[in-house]
Amino acid sequence: MKKWIAVLLAVMTALAALPAFAESDSGAPAAEAEEKKDVQYVLFLGTNDKDTNKPVFTQDEAMEKARDILIRRFGGYTIQEAHGGWIDNGKVFQEYTLIIYLSDTTPELVHDAAAEMVETFHQSSVLIHANETTTEFYTP
């Protein structure tokens, strides 16, 4: 009987240790997944002048100016094009908007780039989302 109790205790001890070796949803060991935590910054850059609500640049020019700022400041970027709209004093306005995704950077560098965009595109602000994420460059 004592032998069975010893075996049972050994099995229970082994089972209790299993969570330390559990894998995260990504398939990586849980400890490794935590080491890859990152913040993805998503910037929404409008292209209408803050005072006139008219485009500052053509869509092609706006894209090129944004690319220049981003490649110079970050060495890379992802941009999506979007169209937004709002009502101001009963009048509907439409705006070509660039959605910019940045990772592996700091809030200070993002704010510096946003300040340049505010000036270049004559904006009152740039909307910034900071989303905690886990980043992985997968290679089979």
Protein backbone atom coordinates (compact mmCIF):
# COMPACT_ATOMS: atom_id res chain seq x y z
CA MET A 1 0.00 0.00 0.00
CA LYS A 2 2.83 2.40 0.85
CA LYS A 3 4.28 1.71 -2.60
CA TRP A 4 1.02 2.81 -4.29
CA ILE A 5 0.88 5.97 -2.21
CA ALA A 6 4.46 6.81 -3.24
CA VAL A 7 3.59 6.21 -6.92
CA LEU A 8 0.42 8.28 -6.60
CA LEU A 9 2.37 11.16 -5.00
CA ALA A 10 5.00 10.98 -7.76
CA VAL A 11 2.31 11.12 -10.47
CA MET A 12 0.55 14.04 -8.77
CA THR A 13 3.86 15.92 -8.46
CA ALA A 14 4.58 15.35 -12.15
CA LEU A 15 1.08 16.52 -13.14
CA ALA A 16 1.41 19.64 -11.00
CA ALA A 17 4.60 20.56 -12.89
CA LEU A 18 2.96 20.30 -16.34
CA PRO A 19 1.68 23.91 -16.55
CA ALA A 20 5.30 25.12 -16.52
CA PHE A 21 5.80 23.29 -19.81
CA ALA A 22 2.46 24.22 -21.36
CA GLU A 23 2.40 25.81 -24.78
CA SER A 24 0.75 29.11 -25.59
CA ASP A 25 -1.87 29.47 -28.35
CA SER A 26 0.94 30.28 -30.81
CA GLY A 27 2.52 26.85 -30.32
CA ALA A 28 5.58 28.33 -28.58
CA PRO A 29 6.31 27.53 -24.96
CA ALA A 30 4.50 29.99 -22.70
CA ALA A 31 7.74 31.50 -21.37
CA GLU A 32 8.98 32.25 -24.91
CA ALA A 33 5.69 33.84 -25.98
CA GLU A 34 5.90 36.34 -23.13
CA GLU A 35 9.40 37.36 -24.25
CA LYS A 36 8.01 38.40 -27.64
CA LYS A 37 5.49 40.93 -26.31
CA ASP A 38 5.36 44.05 -28.45
CA VAL A 39 3.23 47.12 -29.04
CA GLN A 40 1.76 47.67 -32.48
CA TYR A 41 1.06 51.30 -33.21
CA VAL A 42 -1.75 52.09 -35.63
CA LEU A 43 -1.83 55.69 -36.86
CA PHE A 44 -4.79 57.25 -38.66
CA LEU A 45 -3.54 60.11 -40.82
CA GLY A 46 -6.17 62.31 -42.41
CA THR A 47 -5.21 64.23 -45.52
CA ASN A 48 -7.68 67.13 -45.51
CA ASP A 49 -6.43 70.51 -44.33
CA LYS A 50 -7.52 71.18 -40.73
CA ASP A 51 -8.85 74.64 -41.63
CA THR A 52 -10.38 74.22 -45.08
CA ASN A 53 -11.36 70.50 -44.95
CA LYS A 54 -9.97 70.20 -48.49
CA PRO A 55 -7.22 67.77 -49.50
CA VAL A 56 -3.71 69.07 -48.86
CA PHE A 57 -2.25 66.77 -51.54
CA THR A 58 -3.52 64.43 -54.23
CA GLN A 59 -3.89 60.85 -53.00
CA ASP A 60 -0.66 59.82 -54.76
CA GLU A 61 1.23 62.79 -53.30
CA ALA A 62 -0.13 62.07 -49.81
CA MET A 63 0.96 58.43 -50.03
CA GLU A 64 4.43 59.44 -51.24
CA LYS A 65 4.88 62.02 -48.46
CA ALA A 66 3.80 59.50 -45.81
CA ARG A 67 6.14 56.85 -47.25
CA ASP A 68 9.05 59.29 -47.17
CA ILE A 69 8.44 60.15 -43.51
CA LEU A 70 8.03 56.51 -42.48
CA ILE A 71 10.99 55.02 -44.36
CA ARG A 72 13.28 57.77 -43.08
CA ARG A 73 12.13 57.44 -39.47
CA PHE A 74 11.47 53.69 -39.15
CA GLY A 75 13.14 51.91 -42.07
CA GLY A 76 9.84 50.24 -42.96
CA TYR A 77 6.08 50.52 -42.74
CA THR A 78 2.71 49.09 -43.70
CA ILE A 79 0.07 51.48 -45.03
CA GLN A 80 -3.58 50.86 -45.88
CA GLU A 81 -5.78 53.35 -47.68
CA ALA A 82 -9.16 54.26 -46.23
CA HIS A 83 -11.91 56.82 -46.72
CA GLY A 84 -13.58 58.49 -43.77
CA GLY A 85 -16.37 60.96 -43.37
CA TRP A 86 -18.01 63.19 -40.79
CA ILE A 87 -20.57 65.94 -40.40
CA ASP A 88 -19.45 69.42 -39.33
CA ASN A 89 -22.09 72.14 -38.90
CA GLY A 90 -24.55 70.10 -40.95
CA LYS A 91 -22.13 69.64 -43.87
CA VAL A 92 -20.76 66.21 -44.83
CA PHE A 93 -17.01 65.97 -45.38
CA GLN A 94 -15.11 63.06 -46.93
CA GLU A 95 -11.43 62.41 -46.35
CA TYR A 96 -8.77 60.15 -47.81
CA THR A 97 -7.06 58.57 -44.80
CA LEU A 98 -3.86 56.57 -44.45
CA ILE A 99 -3.77 53.85 -41.81
CA ILE A 100 -0.18 53.18 -40.79
CA TYR A 101 1.02 50.11 -38.87
CA LEU A 102 4.30 50.24 -36.95
CA SER A 103 5.98 47.68 -34.69
CA ASP A 104 9.32 47.33 -32.95
CA THR A 105 9.51 51.02 -32.05
CA THR A 106 8.92 53.34 -29.11
CA PRO A 107 6.13 55.77 -28.22
CA GLU A 108 8.60 58.65 -28.48
CA LEU A 109 9.58 57.78 -32.06
CA VAL A 110 5.92 57.33 -33.01
CA HIS A 111 5.06 60.73 -31.50
CA ASP A 112 7.98 62.38 -33.32
CA ALA A 113 6.76 60.96 -36.64
CA ALA A 114 3.16 61.96 -35.86
CA ALA A 115 4.33 65.52 -35.12
CA GLU A 116 5.99 65.66 -38.54
CA MET A 117 2.81 64.32 -40.17
CA VAL A 118 0.68 66.93 -38.37
CA GLU A 119 2.91 69.65 -39.80
CA THR A 120 3.32 68.18 -43.29
CA PHE A 121 -0.38 67.39 -43.75
CA HIS A 122 -1.64 70.49 -41.87
CA GLN A 123 -3.61 68.39 -39.36
CA SER A 124 -4.86 69.20 -35.89
CA SER A 125 -3.85 65.68 -34.74
CA VAL A 126 -3.01 62.12 -35.75
CA LEU A 127 -5.00 59.35 -34.03
CA ILE A 128 -2.69 56.71 -32.51
CA HIS A 129 -3.76 53.31 -31.20
CA ALA A 130 -1.17 51.40 -29.14
CA ASN A 131 -2.11 47.72 -29.07
CA GLU A 132 -0.22 45.15 -26.99
CA THR A 133 0.51 42.12 -29.11
CA THR A 134 2.84 39.17 -29.50
CA THR A 135 5.06 39.40 -32.55
CA GLU A 136 6.67 36.48 -34.33
CA PHE A 137 8.54 36.18 -37.61
CA TYR A 138 7.58 32.65 -38.62
CA THR A 139 9.92 30.58 -40.76
CA PRO A 140 9.01 26.94 -41.40
